[in-house]
Structure formats: C-alpha cells, structure tokens
C-alpha atoms as a PDB file:
ATOM      1  CA  MET A   1      -7.684  14.206  -0.987  1.00  0.00           C
ATOM      2  CA  THR A   2      -9.388  12.168  -3.632  1.00  0.00           C
ATOM      3  CA  ILE A   3      -9.246   8.340  -3.173  1.00  0.00           C
ATOM      4  CA  GLU A   4      -7.462   7.933  -6.378  1.00  0.00           C
ATOM      5  CA  GLN A   5      -4.598  10.164  -4.615  1.00  0.00           C
ATOM      6  CA  LEU A   6      -4.818   8.254  -1.491  1.00  0.00           C
ATOM      7  CA  LEU A   7      -3.935   4.811  -3.349  1.00  0.00           C
ATOM      8  CA  ILE A   8      -1.181   6.393  -5.370  1.00  0.00           C
ATOM      9  CA  ARG A   9       0.396   8.159  -2.237  1.00  0.00           C
ATOM     10  CA  ASN A  10       0.055   4.931  -0.122  1.00  0.00           C
ATOM     11  CA  LEU A  11       1.719   2.935  -2.725  1.00  0.00           C
ATOM     12  CA  HIS A  12       4.814   5.244  -3.209  1.00  0.00           C
ATOM     13  CA  GLU A  13       4.932   7.018   0.105  1.00  0.00           C
ATOM     14  CA  VAL A  14       4.056   4.045   2.632  1.00  0.00           C
ATOM     15  CA  PHE A  15       5.156   0.631   0.702  1.00  0.00           C
ATOM     16  CA  GLY A  16       7.556   2.131  -1.326  1.00  0.00           C
ATOM     17  CA  GLU A  17       9.304   4.288   1.149  1.00  0.00           C
ATOM     18  CA  GLY A  18      12.681   3.151   2.715  1.00  0.00           C
ATOM     19  CA  ASP A  19      12.805   5.824   5.308  1.00  0.00           C
ATOM     20  CA  PRO A  20      11.129   4.788   8.488  1.00  0.00           C
ATOM     21  CA  ALA A  21      10.272   8.358   9.514  1.00  0.00           C
ATOM     22  CA  ARG A  22       8.831   9.495   6.183  1.00  0.00           C
ATOM     23  CA  ARG A  23       7.007   6.310   6.003  1.00  0.00           C
ATOM     24  CA  ARG A  24       5.392   6.746   9.492  1.00  0.00           C
ATOM     25  CA  ALA A  25       4.434  10.389   8.778  1.00  0.00           C
ATOM     26  CA  ALA A  26       2.735   9.256   5.547  1.00  0.00           C
ATOM     27  CA  ILE A  27       0.829   6.396   7.432  1.00  0.00           C
ATOM     28  CA  ASP A  28      -0.361   8.971  10.151  1.00  0.00           C
ATOM     29  CA  GLU A  29      -1.696  11.523   7.186  1.00  0.00           C
ATOM     30  CA  LEU A  30      -3.340   8.786   5.084  1.00  0.00           C
ATOM     31  CA  TYR A  31      -4.715   6.129   7.521  1.00  0.00           C
ATOM     32  CA  ALA A  32      -7.622   6.343   9.992  1.00  0.00           C
ATOM     33  CA  GLU A  33      -6.249   5.580  13.735  1.00  0.00           C
ATOM     34  CA  ASP A  34      -7.964   2.208  13.728  1.00  0.00           C
ATOM     35  CA  ALA A  35      -7.271   1.252  10.088  1.00  0.00           C
ATOM     36  CA  VAL A  36      -6.833  -2.298   9.148  1.00  0.00           C
ATOM     37  CA  PHE A  37      -4.212  -4.073   6.366  1.00  0.00           C
ATOM     38  CA  TYR A  38      -5.271  -7.204   5.235  1.00  0.00           C
ATOM     39  CA  GLY A  39      -2.471  -8.664   3.306  1.00  0.00           C
ATOM     40  CA  PRO A  40      -1.826 -12.148   1.311  1.00  0.00           C
ATOM     41  CA  ASP A  41      -0.983 -13.725   4.589  1.00  0.00           C
ATOM     42  CA  GLY A  42      -4.503 -13.652   5.563  1.00  0.00           C
ATOM     43  CA  GLU A  43      -3.721 -11.628   8.685  1.00  0.00           C
ATOM     44  CA  GLY A  44      -5.354  -8.636   9.793  1.00  0.00           C
ATOM     45  CA  HIS A  45      -2.928  -5.820  11.157  1.00  0.00           C
ATOM     46  CA  HIS A  46      -4.704  -3.295  13.124  1.00  0.00           C
ATOM     47  CA  GLY A  47      -4.081   0.263  13.811  1.00  0.00           C
ATOM     48  CA  ARG A  48      -1.200   2.710  12.298  1.00  0.00           C
ATOM     49  CA  GLU A  49       1.481   1.105  14.437  1.00  0.00           C
ATOM     50  CA  ALA A  50       0.882  -2.249  13.058  1.00  0.00           C
ATOM     51  CA  ILE A  51       0.527  -1.013   9.512  1.00  0.00           C
ATOM     52  CA  ASP A  52       3.876   0.779  10.014  1.00  0.00           C
ATOM     53  CA  ARG A  53       5.610  -2.256  11.180  1.00  0.00           C
ATOM     54  CA  ILE A  54       4.309  -4.655   8.159  1.00  0.00           C
ATOM     55  CA  ALA A  55       4.996  -1.994   5.666  1.00  0.00           C
ATOM     56  CA  GLY A  56       8.693  -1.881   7.017  1.00  0.00           C
ATOM     57  CA  ILE A  57       8.766  -5.763   6.807  1.00  0.00           C
ATOM     58  CA  ILE A  58       7.921  -5.809   3.295  1.00  0.00           C
ATOM     59  CA  ARG A  59      10.306  -2.977   2.257  1.00  0.00           C
ATOM     60  CA  ALA A  60      12.955  -4.585   4.148  1.00  0.00           C
ATOM     61  CA  GLY A  61      12.433  -7.591   2.026  1.00  0.00           C
ATOM     62  CA  HIS A  62      12.746  -5.681  -1.313  1.00  0.00           C
ATOM     63  CA  PRO A  63      14.806  -2.522  -0.280  1.00  0.00           C
ATOM     64  CA  THR A  64      15.589  -1.735  -4.018  1.00  0.00           C
ATOM     65  CA  PHE A  65      12.172  -2.551  -5.626  1.00  0.00           C
ATOM     66  CA  ALA A  66      10.319   0.129  -7.196  1.00  0.00           C
ATOM     67  CA  TYR A  67       6.728   0.149  -7.444  1.00  0.00           C
ATOM     68  CA  THR A  68       4.524   1.378 -10.688  1.00  0.00           C
ATOM     69  CA  GLU A  69       0.915   1.665 -11.236  1.00  0.00           C
ATOM     70  CA  THR A  70      -0.305  -0.457 -14.278  1.00  0.00           C
ATOM     71  CA  SER A  71      -3.479   1.290 -14.684  1.00  0.00           C
ATOM     72  CA  PRO A  72      -5.195   4.369 -13.222  1.00  0.00           C
ATOM     73  CA  ALA A  73      -6.549   4.287  -9.740  1.00  0.00           C
ATOM     74  CA  GLN A  74     -10.348   3.839  -9.660  1.00  0.00           C
ATOM     75  CA  ALA A  75     -12.621   5.079  -7.143  1.00  0.00           C
ATOM     76  CA  SER A  76     -16.452   4.112  -6.338  1.00  0.00           C
ATOM     77  CA  HIS A  77     -18.260   5.597  -3.572  1.00  0.00           C
ATOM     78  CA  ASP A  78     -15.998   5.258  -0.428  1.00  0.00           C
ATOM     79  CA  ALA A  79     -13.831   2.493  -2.125  1.00  0.00           C
ATOM     80  CA  GLY A  80     -10.939   2.394  -4.515  1.00  0.00           C
ATOM     81  CA  ARG A  81      -8.581   0.063  -6.302  1.00  0.00           C
ATOM     82  CA  LEU A  82      -5.264   0.305  -7.710  1.00  0.00           C
ATOM     83  CA  SER A  83      -3.118  -2.376  -9.739  1.00  0.00           C
ATOM     84  CA  TRP A  84       0.751  -2.138  -9.751  1.00  0.00           C
ATOM     85  CA  VAL A  85       3.808  -4.096 -10.475  1.00  0.00           C
ATOM     86  CA  SER A  86       7.193  -4.164  -8.449  1.00  0.00           C
ATOM     87  CA  GLY A  87      10.863  -5.114  -9.203  1.00  0.00           C
ATOM     88  CA  PRO A  88      14.407  -3.614  -9.168  1.00  0.00           C
ATOM     89  CA  ALA A  89      14.398  -0.439 -11.142  1.00  0.00           C
ATOM     90  CA  GLY A  90      15.282  -0.951 -14.712  1.00  0.00           C
ATOM     91  CA  GLU A  91      14.371  -4.921 -14.882  1.00  0.00           C
ATOM     92  CA  PRO A  92      11.155  -6.799 -15.589  1.00  0.00           C
ATOM     93  CA  PRO A  93       8.803  -6.771 -12.628  1.00  0.00           C
ATOM     94  CA  ARG A  94       8.851  -9.537 -10.262  1.00  0.00           C
ATOM     95  CA  TYR A  95       5.590  -9.485  -9.021  1.00  0.00           C
ATOM     96  CA  ALA A  96       2.074  -7.636  -9.290  1.00  0.00           C
ATOM     97  CA  GLY A  97      -0.384  -6.366  -6.981  1.00  0.00           C
ATOM     98  CA  HIS A  98      -3.787  -5.095  -6.296  1.00  0.00           C
ATOM     99  CA  ASP A  99      -4.841  -2.709  -3.538  1.00  0.00           C
ATOM    100  CA  PHE A 100      -8.492  -2.383  -2.519  1.00  0.00           C
ATOM    101  CA  ILE A 101      -9.367   0.372   0.066  1.00  0.00           C
ATOM    102  CA  LEU A 102     -12.288   1.561   2.217  1.00  0.00           C
ATOM    103  CA  VAL A 103     -12.172   5.197   2.818  1.00  0.00           C
ATOM    104  CA  ARG A 104     -13.716   6.968   6.116  1.00  0.00           C
ATOM    105  CA  ASP A 105     -13.421  10.714   6.663  1.00  0.00           C
ATOM    106  CA  GLY A 106     -10.872  11.139   3.859  1.00  0.00           C
ATOM    107  CA  ARG A 107      -8.370   8.463   5.160  1.00  0.00           C
ATOM    108  CA  ILE A 108      -7.772   4.754   4.427  1.00  0.00           C
ATOM    109  CA  ALA A 109      -9.943   2.634   7.032  1.00  0.00           C
ATOM    110  CA  VAL A 110      -9.068  -0.595   5.450  1.00  0.00           C
ATOM    111  CA  ILE A 111      -6.613  -2.090   2.637  1.00  0.00           C
ATOM    112  CA  TYR A 112      -6.695  -5.459   0.996  1.00  0.00           C
ATOM    113  CA  VAL A 113      -3.506  -6.327  -0.823  1.00  0.00           C
ATOM    114  CA  PHE A 114      -3.618  -9.300  -3.214  1.00  0.00           C
ATOM    115  CA  LEU A 115      -0.232 -10.361  -4.955  1.00  0.00           C
ATOM    116  CA  ASP A 116       0.421 -12.112  -8.113  1.00  0.00           C
ATOM    117  CA  GLY A 117       3.543 -13.805  -8.989  1.00  0.00           C
ATOM    118  CA  GLU A 118       6.862 -14.766  -7.449  1.00  0.00           C
ATOM    119  CA  ASP A 119       6.177 -13.297  -3.883  1.00  0.00           C
ATOM    120  CA  LYS A 120       2.509 -14.654  -3.738  1.00  0.00           C
END
C-alpha cells in the first residue's frame, strides 16, 4: 500500500467510520502496533487501543460529518500529508484539517493532526 493510500484510507476508514468494529479493523491494518497519534490537544495517544479510543471520541462528537480531501495526498520518502475538510453532508465544511504521517514497514507509525476552523 502506498503512503497516499494509507492517508486516504485512514481519513475515511478510521476517522470517518462510525462502526467501531470496522474502525478497529482498519486501525489494526493501517497502524503499527506502537503507533502514536498527536492531535490538536497536544497529547500523545500511544498504541492502537489509544488511537481507536480517540478516533471513536472524535467520531462521536460529529457522527454525521463527512470527510473530503481538498487536494491529492502527497508522499516524500517515509512521510506523507493530506489536507481535508469536514462537515455535515451537503453543507459547507465546518472545519479543515491536515494529517501528516510517518510510515514504518508499510504502516502508520506516527500521525500528527492539525485543525483549522470551528473545532480548532
């Protein structure tokens, strides 16, 4: 799987997924066991279990929001980035975000998420 594919699948199958079992299956496939999520709160969430927990919390806060890429995912060496917007389907986006990942052995080892807008 390419870095670009990891970014897009993560956006939709992890953070855009409302079903906890499907979200967890995607995390197990896309993330290294010891992966770390750094979000806008400044906290580091270590391991798949913690990433699953924070993704569930984020999804629960906006259960009807859809995620849409605003430009193609980009990769350089073992890193990648993706910019996106989110909001209720059919309405203007409520906020924008940027995901930056570091990849190890074909899986996300570290993800940094930055938010712009209302939910910053």
